[in-house]
Amino acid sequence: MDKRIERDSLGEIEVDNDKYWGAQTQRSFMNFPKGLDLMPKEEIRALTLIKKAAAIVNFELGKIDEERKNLIVYAADRILDGDFDDQFPLTVWQTGSGTQSNMNVNEVIAHIANEKCGENLIHPNDHVNKSQSSNDTFPTAMHMASLNLLENELLPEIDEFIGGIESKAKEFEGIIKTGRTHLQDATPIALSSEIRAYSEIIRRDKAALIDLMEDLRRLPIGGTAVGTGLNAPEAYSSKMISTLEKLSGLRLIEDSNKFVGLSSKQAMARVHSALKVLAEDLNKIANDLRFLSCGPRTGIGELILPTNEPGSSIMPGKVNPTQVEMMTMVAIQVMANDTAISIANASGQLELNTYMPLVIYNMVKSIKLLTKAMTSFRIHLIEGLVANKEKIEENLDKSLMLVTSLSPLIGYDKAAELAKFAHKNNLSLREANKELGFVSDTDFVKTVDPREMI
């Protein structure tokens, strides 16, 4: 393959002619692991949007001329249109500031721009990166990429998920079942109440997430290398915020203390902690449905899950709770991602956190996992969930904890005696009461009414 010579502060290096990157990207490509975990395209797109905004603002502030501004904007738009997706080959496992990926974007923009104008008019550092540092552009892009995914992908699916559960709860109105605590029989509960609690759990998770997302709106752009704003002109930060808002459609805020935005990843850690709790709650819901559907003949079997795939390569006719297993694996992965982000946030040094690629990688991974898993779980499990009314009634009739309603009438000790007698002699509570004679059969039927106990 034909090659060309590219130059940076370390000297000359060969780059394949069909590549739009320059010397710094090439060195990174050669020096770090290959074929592993590319920098998320969402981060690359956010960095590209920052370069476009910076060109516009630098022109407005008289730092670059109109021709260079237009060329950078043109090149950035080409990247945002997806024309150069194969020009960002760098792994997450690079420098902790993301400098190589920042320069990858700078170099590709410069190359596209220079190709258009037919001369080397755009320099990746002097023009594309003007008034910036990797140290403020990369975390700014992290916040924007995360916000975009949360607002446009995860939050809409959370609403759909809540709606799916609410519809199922409405469908189950009027069905009374055995409640369970400690995995043991407890007093009755309406199936609709049990299911509707799940929607409220997720609704509260959504509210907490939205509150914490406000931290992501604070952008440290303009802080440059260490937060002081060196080499960034006056009014640059505020103009960048307003320009990025227009270009991205996101509501954004200038970070009043850019030292914080560079040195700490607390905003990312807080938001991901909300994702972790969402994952925990999805794990609980999935496992509840697995538990209530176990069987189908020798378990509880009160719920019937959709039959989506054969469950065994050796046992004919077996069907497994595969959506449950998918969701619980996703939940475990998100919880593991949170541990990585927490450790990364705790490990920042002085004026810069140097674990940023790891943080954005795990954030993007978690948001996408949760979004797609919730969509799959909603469509392939929740929407097809069926109440096994016969099994529910059978289990409710056999439940000894219905005796709780008799406790005010005959006292705790006699109620416990009745339950133990029924269990020991394999009798229903009504049959046991007839033998022990604690209350009349009429009073028993009137008092032990599951519908009055919920």
Protein backbone atom coordinates (compact mmCIF):
# COMPACT_ATOMS: atom_id res chain seq x y z
CA MET A 1 0.00 0.00 0.00
CA ASP A 2 1.27 3.50 -0.84
CA LYS A 3 2.39 5.56 2.12
CA ARG A 4 3.07 9.21 2.85
CA ILE A 5 5.23 10.93 5.43
CA GLU A 6 3.50 12.74 8.31
CA ARG A 7 5.30 14.88 10.88
CA ASP A 8 4.76 15.82 14.53
CA SER A 9 6.95 17.06 17.37
CA LEU A 10 8.69 13.68 17.56
CA GLY A 11 9.64 13.66 13.88
CA GLU A 12 8.53 11.79 10.78
CA ILE A 13 6.38 8.67 10.50
CA GLU A 14 4.80 6.75 7.64
CA VAL A 15 0.99 6.68 7.27
CA ASP A 16 -1.01 4.73 4.70
CA ASN A 17 -2.21 7.02 1.92
CA ASP A 18 -5.85 6.00 2.36
CA LYS A 19 -5.87 7.14 5.99
CA TYR A 20 -7.02 10.62 6.93
CA TRP A 21 -5.22 10.70 10.24
CA GLY A 22 -1.77 12.09 10.96
CA ALA A 23 1.39 11.33 12.88
CA GLN A 24 0.01 11.40 16.42
CA THR A 25 -2.83 9.03 15.60
CA GLN A 26 -0.41 6.72 13.81
CA ARG A 27 1.92 6.58 16.81
CA SER A 28 -0.99 5.80 19.10
CA PHE A 29 -2.26 3.13 16.72
CA MET A 30 1.16 1.49 16.74
CA ASN A 31 1.87 1.81 20.48
CA PHE A 32 -1.39 0.70 22.11
CA PRO A 33 -3.35 -2.58 21.91
CA LYS A 34 -5.05 -3.22 18.58
CA GLY A 35 -8.41 -4.84 17.94
CA LEU A 36 -9.72 -4.11 21.42
CA ASP A 37 -12.56 -1.81 22.48
CA LEU A 38 -12.44 1.15 20.12
CA MET A 39 -13.18 4.58 21.53
CA PRO A 40 -17.00 4.83 21.51
CA LYS A 41 -18.31 6.50 18.36
CA GLU A 42 -20.51 8.65 20.61
CA GLU A 43 -17.39 10.19 22.14
CA ILE A 44 -15.88 10.75 18.69
CA ARG A 45 -19.06 12.45 17.48
CA ALA A 46 -19.18 14.68 20.55
CA LEU A 47 -15.53 15.65 20.08
CA THR A 48 -16.27 16.43 16.45
CA LEU A 49 -19.20 18.64 17.45
CA ILE A 50 -16.90 20.49 19.87
CA LYS A 51 -14.41 21.12 17.04
CA LYS A 52 -17.20 22.53 14.88
CA ALA A 53 -18.39 24.78 17.69
CA ALA A 54 -14.84 25.90 18.48
CA ALA A 55 -14.26 26.91 14.84
CA ILE A 56 -17.43 29.02 14.90
CA VAL A 57 -16.55 30.65 18.25
CA ASN A 58 -12.89 31.21 17.37
CA PHE A 59 -14.00 32.98 14.20
CA GLU A 60 -16.48 35.13 16.14
CA LEU A 61 -13.69 36.08 18.56
CA GLY A 62 -11.23 36.87 15.74
CA LYS A 63 -8.91 33.94 16.40
CA ILE A 64 -9.24 32.29 12.95
CA ASP A 65 -10.31 33.62 9.58
CA GLU A 66 -13.60 32.79 7.86
CA GLU A 67 -12.05 30.43 5.31
CA ARG A 68 -10.50 28.26 8.01
CA LYS A 69 -13.71 28.33 10.00
CA ASN A 70 -15.71 27.17 7.00
CA LEU A 71 -13.24 24.41 6.18
CA ILE A 72 -13.27 23.03 9.72
CA VAL A 73 -17.07 23.17 9.84
CA TYR A 74 -17.25 21.38 6.48
CA ALA A 75 -14.91 18.62 7.64
CA ALA A 76 -16.71 18.21 10.95
CA ASP A 77 -20.05 17.91 9.17
CA ARG A 78 -18.66 15.21 6.90
CA ILE A 79 -17.61 13.24 9.97
CA LEU A 80 -20.96 13.81 11.68
CA ASP A 81 -22.67 12.51 8.55
CA GLY A 82 -20.81 9.22 9.02
CA ASP A 83 -18.58 9.53 5.95
CA PHE A 84 -15.36 8.80 7.86
CA ASP A 85 -16.33 6.31 10.55
CA ASP A 86 -13.39 4.07 9.64
CA GLN A 87 -10.86 6.82 10.38
CA PHE A 88 -11.01 6.50 14.17
CA PRO A 89 -9.09 3.30 14.93
CA LEU A 90 -7.83 4.01 18.43
CA THR A 91 -8.56 1.84 21.43
CA VAL A 92 -9.99 2.94 24.75
CA TRP A 93 -6.81 1.57 26.32
CA GLN A 94 -4.64 4.59 25.56
CA THR A 95 -3.58 7.66 27.49
CA GLY A 96 -5.96 8.39 30.36
CA SER A 97 -6.65 11.95 29.17
CA GLY A 98 -7.94 10.79 25.79
CA THR A 99 -5.33 12.97 24.07
CA GLN A 100 -4.74 10.49 21.26
CA SER A 101 -8.44 10.39 20.35
CA ASN A 102 -8.70 14.17 20.59
CA MET A 103 -5.77 14.44 18.17
CA ASN A 104 -7.26 11.70 15.98
CA VAL A 105 -10.32 13.94 15.50
CA ASN A 106 -8.12 17.03 14.99
CA GLU A 107 -5.99 15.30 12.37
CA VAL A 108 -8.89 13.79 10.41
CA ILE A 109 -10.68 17.15 10.31
CA ALA A 110 -7.50 18.88 9.15
CA HIS A 111 -6.90 16.28 6.43
CA ILE A 112 -10.48 16.48 5.10
CA ALA A 113 -10.33 20.28 5.13
CA ASN A 114 -6.97 20.45 3.38
CA GLU A 115 -8.10 17.95 0.78
CA LYS A 116 -11.08 20.16 0.01
CA CYS A 117 -9.09 23.39 -0.34
CA GLY A 118 -6.14 21.76 -2.11
CA GLU A 119 -3.45 23.06 0.27
CA ASN A 120 -2.25 22.63 3.85
CA LEU A 121 -4.27 25.51 5.22
CA ILE A 122 -5.53 23.76 8.36
CA HIS A 123 -3.19 22.58 11.13
CA PRO A 124 -4.62 20.03 13.61
CA ASN A 125 -3.22 21.83 16.66
CA ASP A 126 -3.05 25.46 15.60
CA HIS A 127 -6.50 25.64 14.04
CA VAL A 128 -8.73 22.62 14.81
CA ASN A 129 -7.61 22.46 18.45
CA LYS A 130 -7.37 26.25 18.91
CA SER A 131 -8.41 27.52 22.38
CA GLN A 132 -8.68 23.91 23.55
CA SER A 133 -6.86 21.12 25.32
CA SER A 134 -7.63 17.42 25.35
CA ASN A 135 -8.08 17.95 29.08
CA ASP A 136 -11.21 20.06 28.62
CA THR A 137 -12.55 18.80 25.29
CA PHE A 138 -12.51 15.12 26.23
CA PRO A 139 -14.53 15.44 29.48
CA THR A 140 -16.88 17.90 27.77
CA ALA A 141 -17.47 15.30 25.07
CA MET A 142 -18.00 12.64 27.75
CA HIS A 143 -20.81 14.66 29.30
CA MET A 144 -22.43 15.45 25.96
CA ALA A 145 -22.22 11.88 24.68
CA SER A 146 -23.74 10.57 27.90
CA LEU A 147 -26.53 13.15 27.94
CA ASN A 148 -27.41 12.45 24.33
CA LEU A 149 -27.72 8.70 24.93
CA LEU A 150 -29.67 9.16 28.13
CA GLU A 151 -32.14 11.70 26.75
CA ASN A 152 -32.69 10.15 23.34
CA GLU A 153 -32.39 6.43 24.03
CA LEU A 154 -32.61 5.30 27.65
CA LEU A 155 -35.23 7.69 29.07
CA PRO A 156 -37.71 7.04 26.23
CA GLU A 157 -37.33 3.28 26.73
CA ILE A 158 -37.81 3.66 30.48
CA ASP A 159 -41.15 5.34 29.72
CA GLU A 160 -42.11 2.49 27.38
CA PHE A 161 -41.06 -0.04 30.00
CA ILE A 162 -43.16 1.61 32.70
CA GLY A 163 -46.10 1.74 30.32
CA GLY A 164 -45.73 -1.95 29.51
CA ILE A 165 -45.80 -2.91 33.17
CA GLU A 166 -48.78 -0.64 33.87
CA SER A 167 -50.74 -2.23 31.03
CA LYS A 168 -50.01 -5.69 32.40
CA ALA A 169 -51.02 -4.64 35.93
CA LYS A 170 -54.33 -3.34 34.57
CA GLU A 171 -54.86 -6.65 32.77
CA PHE A 172 -54.35 -8.51 36.06
CA GLU A 173 -56.90 -6.47 38.05
CA GLY A 174 -59.11 -8.63 40.26
CA ILE A 175 -56.70 -11.54 40.66
CA ILE A 176 -55.81 -12.30 44.29
CA LYS A 177 -52.74 -14.39 45.02
CA THR A 178 -50.52 -15.55 47.84
CA GLY A 179 -48.01 -12.96 48.94
CA ARG A 180 -44.54 -14.12 49.89
CA THR A 181 -41.88 -12.85 52.28
CA HIS A 182 -38.61 -14.63 53.03
CA LEU A 183 -39.60 -16.88 50.09
CA GLN A 184 -42.31 -18.26 52.37
CA ASP A 185 -46.12 -17.93 52.14
CA ALA A 186 -47.46 -14.63 53.47
CA THR A 187 -50.79 -12.82 53.48
CA PRO A 188 -52.63 -12.31 50.17
CA ILE A 189 -51.91 -9.58 47.68
CA ALA A 190 -53.53 -8.44 44.45
CA LEU A 191 -51.45 -9.55 41.48
CA SER A 192 -52.00 -6.10 39.99
CA SER A 193 -50.49 -4.50 43.12
CA GLU A 194 -47.47 -6.78 42.94
CA ILE A 195 -46.86 -5.97 39.28
CA ARG A 196 -47.68 -2.26 39.59
CA ALA A 197 -45.02 -1.92 42.29
CA TYR A 198 -42.47 -2.74 39.60
CA SER A 199 -43.55 0.21 37.49
CA GLU A 200 -43.25 2.53 40.49
CA ILE A 201 -39.77 1.21 41.26
CA ILE A 202 -38.62 2.05 37.74
CA ARG A 203 -40.45 5.41 37.82
CA ARG A 204 -38.50 6.38 40.94
CA ASP A 205 -35.26 5.23 39.31
CA LYS A 206 -36.05 7.50 36.36
CA ALA A 207 -36.68 10.48 38.64
CA ALA A 208 -33.37 9.96 40.44
CA LEU A 209 -31.54 9.64 37.13
CA ILE A 210 -33.04 12.86 35.76
CA ASP A 211 -32.01 14.74 38.90
CA LEU A 212 -28.43 13.52 38.67
CA MET A 213 -28.20 14.24 34.94
CA GLU A 214 -28.11 17.94 35.87
CA ASP A 215 -24.48 17.36 36.91
CA LEU A 216 -23.65 16.29 33.36
CA ARG A 217 -24.93 19.56 31.94
CA ARG A 218 -22.00 21.41 33.50
CA LEU A 219 -19.23 21.50 30.89
CA PRO A 220 -15.58 22.35 31.64
CA ILE A 221 -14.91 23.56 28.08
CA GLY A 222 -12.59 26.55 28.19
CA GLY A 223 -10.61 25.21 31.11
CA THR A 224 -7.88 24.08 28.65
CA ALA A 225 -4.92 22.27 30.24
CA VAL A 226 -5.46 22.55 34.01
CA GLY A 227 -8.63 24.58 34.45
CA THR A 228 -7.14 28.08 34.27
CA GLY A 229 -8.27 28.70 30.68
CA LEU A 230 -4.76 29.41 29.39
CA ASN A 231 -4.79 30.23 25.61
CA ALA A 232 -8.60 30.48 25.54
CA PRO A 233 -9.89 34.01 24.77
CA GLU A 234 -12.28 35.89 27.04
CA ALA A 235 -15.92 34.92 26.53
CA TYR A 236 -14.82 31.70 24.80
CA SER A 237 -16.42 29.39 27.40
CA SER A 238 -19.83 31.05 27.45
CA LYS A 239 -19.94 31.25 23.66
CA MET A 240 -18.97 27.60 23.39
CA ILE A 241 -21.84 26.61 25.69
CA SER A 242 -24.43 28.53 23.68
CA THR A 243 -23.05 27.23 20.39
CA LEU A 244 -22.94 23.64 21.59
CA GLU A 245 -26.52 23.95 22.81
CA LYS A 246 -27.63 25.04 19.33
CA LEU A 247 -25.64 22.33 17.56
CA SER A 248 -26.53 19.45 19.90
CA GLY A 249 -30.06 20.26 21.01
CA LEU A 250 -28.97 19.58 24.59
CA ARG A 251 -29.47 21.93 27.52
CA LEU A 252 -25.96 22.77 28.76
CA ILE A 253 -24.35 24.89 31.48
CA GLU A 254 -20.86 26.35 31.82
CA ASP A 255 -19.07 24.78 34.76
CA SER A 256 -18.35 27.59 37.21
CA ASN A 257 -15.29 25.76 38.47
CA LYS A 258 -13.43 24.14 35.61
CA PHE A 259 -10.78 22.73 37.94
CA VAL A 260 -13.49 20.37 39.20
CA GLY A 261 -14.57 19.40 35.68
CA LEU A 262 -11.02 18.37 34.80
CA SER A 263 -9.84 16.77 38.03
CA SER A 264 -12.97 14.89 39.10
CA LYS A 265 -15.36 12.57 37.27
CA GLN A 266 -17.97 12.90 40.02
CA ALA A 267 -20.76 13.80 37.59
CA MET A 268 -20.18 10.66 35.55
CA ALA A 269 -19.88 8.56 38.71
CA ARG A 270 -23.11 9.95 40.17
CA VAL A 271 -25.11 9.39 37.02
CA HIS A 272 -23.75 5.90 36.63
CA SER A 273 -24.66 5.16 40.24
CA ALA A 274 -28.27 5.83 39.23
CA LEU A 275 -27.84 3.42 36.32
CA LYS A 276 -26.48 0.86 38.77
CA VAL A 277 -29.58 1.17 40.97
CA LEU A 278 -31.78 0.85 37.87
CA ALA A 279 -29.86 -2.32 36.99
CA GLU A 280 -30.31 -3.62 40.55
CA ASP A 281 -34.06 -3.05 40.37
CA LEU A 282 -34.35 -4.65 36.94
CA ASN A 283 -32.46 -7.62 38.36
CA LYS A 284 -34.96 -7.87 41.24
CA ILE A 285 -37.96 -7.64 38.90
CA ALA A 286 -36.55 -10.25 36.52
CA ASN A 287 -35.76 -12.65 39.34
CA ASP A 288 -39.25 -12.19 40.83
CA LEU A 289 -40.78 -13.18 37.51
CA ARG A 290 -38.41 -16.13 37.25
CA PHE A 291 -39.46 -17.26 40.74
CA LEU A 292 -43.21 -16.86 40.18
CA SER A 293 -43.07 -18.68 36.84
CA CYS A 294 -40.89 -21.60 37.90
CA GLY A 295 -42.23 -25.00 36.97
CA PRO A 296 -44.33 -25.25 34.92
CA ARG A 297 -45.75 -28.24 36.85
CA THR A 298 -43.54 -28.77 39.88
CA GLY A 299 -42.86 -25.16 40.84
CA ILE A 300 -44.97 -22.15 41.78
CA GLY A 301 -46.15 -21.61 38.23
CA GLU A 302 -48.42 -18.65 38.98
CA LEU A 303 -47.15 -16.72 35.98
CA ILE A 304 -46.58 -18.08 32.50
CA LEU A 305 -43.71 -16.55 30.54
CA PRO A 306 -43.82 -16.35 26.73
CA THR A 307 -42.38 -19.34 24.90
CA ASN A 308 -39.62 -17.78 22.81
CA GLU A 309 -37.08 -20.56 22.15
CA PRO A 310 -36.47 -24.25 22.89
CA GLY A 311 -34.72 -24.44 26.25
CA SER A 312 -32.61 -27.55 26.05
CA SER A 313 -30.51 -29.47 23.57
CA ILE A 314 -31.28 -32.74 25.39
CA MET A 315 -34.66 -32.31 27.15
CA PRO A 316 -37.43 -32.14 24.54
CA GLY A 317 -40.14 -29.56 25.16
CA LYS A 318 -38.22 -27.68 27.85
CA VAL A 319 -38.65 -23.89 27.86
CA ASN A 320 -36.44 -21.59 29.93
CA PRO A 321 -36.82 -18.01 31.23
CA THR A 322 -34.25 -16.71 28.76
CA GLN A 323 -35.29 -13.05 28.90
CA VAL A 324 -34.85 -13.18 32.66
CA GLU A 325 -31.38 -14.64 32.23
CA MET A 326 -30.48 -11.98 29.67
CA MET A 327 -31.65 -9.17 31.95
CA THR A 328 -29.89 -10.44 35.04
CA MET A 329 -26.61 -10.83 33.13
CA VAL A 330 -26.96 -7.26 31.86
CA ALA A 331 -27.62 -6.07 35.41
CA ILE A 332 -24.47 -7.77 36.68
CA GLN A 333 -22.43 -6.18 33.89
CA VAL A 334 -23.77 -2.69 34.66
CA MET A 335 -22.99 -3.16 38.35
CA ALA A 336 -19.47 -4.22 37.39
CA ASN A 337 -19.14 -1.17 35.14
CA ASP A 338 -20.11 1.00 38.10
CA THR A 339 -17.30 -0.46 40.15
CA ALA A 340 -14.84 0.43 37.37
CA ILE A 341 -16.14 4.01 37.13
CA SER A 342 -16.08 4.44 40.90
CA ILE A 343 -12.47 3.32 41.13
CA ALA A 344 -11.56 5.55 38.17
CA ASN A 345 -13.16 8.57 39.82
CA ALA A 346 -11.36 7.82 43.07
CA SER A 347 -8.01 7.58 41.28
CA GLY A 348 -7.68 11.05 39.72
CA GLN A 349 -4.40 12.81 40.39
CA LEU A 350 -4.05 16.54 41.11
CA GLU A 351 -5.43 18.65 38.23
CA LEU A 352 -6.51 15.84 35.92
CA ASN A 353 -8.29 12.53 36.09
CA THR A 354 -6.42 10.18 33.75
CA TYR A 355 -8.97 7.38 33.56
CA MET A 356 -11.41 9.16 31.27
CA PRO A 357 -11.49 6.70 28.34
CA LEU A 358 -12.38 3.91 30.75
CA VAL A 359 -15.15 6.02 32.27
CA ILE A 360 -16.83 6.95 28.98
CA TYR A 361 -16.42 3.42 27.63
CA ASN A 362 -18.27 1.94 30.60
CA MET A 363 -20.89 4.69 30.67
CA VAL A 364 -21.77 4.21 27.00
CA LYS A 365 -21.75 0.44 27.44
CA SER A 366 -24.12 0.60 30.42
CA ILE A 367 -26.59 3.00 28.80
CA LYS A 368 -26.77 0.92 25.64
CA LEU A 369 -27.02 -2.36 27.53
CA LEU A 370 -29.85 -1.10 29.69
CA THR A 371 -31.71 0.46 26.78
CA LYS A 372 -31.58 -2.60 24.57
CA ALA A 373 -32.16 -5.06 27.41
CA MET A 374 -35.24 -3.19 28.62
CA THR A 375 -36.63 -3.09 25.08
CA SER A 376 -36.12 -6.82 24.65
CA PHE A 377 -37.51 -7.67 28.10
CA ARG A 378 -40.58 -5.50 27.53
CA ILE A 379 -41.39 -6.92 24.09
CA HIS A 380 -40.44 -10.55 24.62
CA LEU A 381 -41.51 -11.05 28.23
CA ILE A 382 -43.71 -8.37 29.81
CA GLU A 383 -46.11 -7.98 26.88
CA GLY A 384 -46.68 -11.74 26.71
CA LEU A 385 -46.87 -12.43 30.45
CA VAL A 386 -49.93 -14.50 31.43
CA ALA A 387 -51.50 -15.12 34.86
CA ASN A 388 -52.11 -18.81 35.58
CA LYS A 389 -55.39 -18.23 37.42
CA GLU A 390 -56.00 -21.89 38.26
CA LYS A 391 -52.57 -22.26 39.89
CA ILE A 392 -52.93 -18.92 41.68
CA GLU A 393 -56.28 -19.99 43.17
CA GLU A 394 -54.92 -23.41 44.15
CA ASN A 395 -51.92 -21.89 45.93
CA LEU A 396 -54.06 -19.25 47.63
CA ASP A 397 -56.48 -21.86 48.91
CA LYS A 398 -53.63 -23.89 50.38
CA SER A 399 -51.88 -20.93 52.00
CA LEU A 400 -51.70 -21.19 55.80
CA MET A 401 -51.05 -17.48 56.19
CA LEU A 402 -54.69 -16.72 55.58
CA VAL A 403 -54.93 -17.51 59.27
CA THR A 404 -53.58 -14.00 59.94
CA SER A 405 -57.09 -12.60 59.48
CA LEU A 406 -58.27 -14.82 62.38
CA SER A 407 -55.62 -13.54 64.77
CA PRO A 408 -57.68 -10.53 66.02
CA LEU A 409 -60.61 -12.88 66.64
CA ILE A 410 -58.94 -15.84 68.39
CA GLY A 411 -55.52 -14.45 69.32
CA TYR A 412 -52.04 -15.00 67.93
CA ASP A 413 -51.35 -18.23 69.82
CA LYS A 414 -54.54 -20.02 68.77
CA ALA A 415 -54.08 -18.78 65.19
CA ALA A 416 -50.55 -20.23 65.18
CA GLU A 417 -51.86 -23.49 66.64
CA LEU A 418 -54.47 -23.68 63.89
CA ALA A 419 -51.90 -23.11 61.14
CA LYS A 420 -49.51 -25.72 62.58
CA PHE A 421 -52.31 -28.25 62.98
CA ALA A 422 -53.42 -27.75 59.38
CA HIS A 423 -49.87 -28.09 58.10
CA LYS A 424 -49.07 -31.19 60.17
CA ASN A 425 -52.24 -32.98 59.12
CA ASN A 426 -52.23 -31.77 55.51
CA LEU A 427 -55.55 -30.01 55.95
CA SER A 428 -56.89 -26.72 54.72
CA LEU A 429 -57.35 -24.04 57.38
CA ARG A 430 -61.10 -24.44 57.14
CA GLU A 431 -60.87 -28.18 57.64
CA ALA A 432 -58.50 -27.73 60.57
CA ASN A 433 -60.79 -25.18 62.19
CA LYS A 434 -63.71 -27.59 61.94
CA GLU A 435 -61.73 -30.13 63.93
CA LEU A 436 -60.38 -27.67 66.50
CA GLY A 437 -63.61 -25.65 66.72
CA PHE A 438 -61.98 -22.26 67.35
CA VAL A 439 -64.73 -20.38 65.46
CA SER A 440 -67.92 -21.39 63.72
CA ASP A 441 -67.63 -22.33 60.06
CA THR A 442 -69.80 -19.33 59.21
CA ASP A 443 -67.49 -16.95 61.07
CA PHE A 444 -64.47 -18.63 59.48
CA VAL A 445 -65.78 -18.13 55.94
CA LYS A 446 -66.74 -14.55 56.74
CA THR A 447 -63.39 -13.70 58.33
CA VAL A 448 -60.96 -15.61 56.12
CA ASP A 449 -61.78 -13.82 52.88
CA PRO A 450 -58.68 -13.08 50.76
CA ARG A 451 -60.42 -10.18 49.01
CA GLU A 452 -60.93 -8.47 52.35
CA MET A 453 -57.28 -9.00 53.27
CA ILE A 454 -55.67 -7.00 50.48
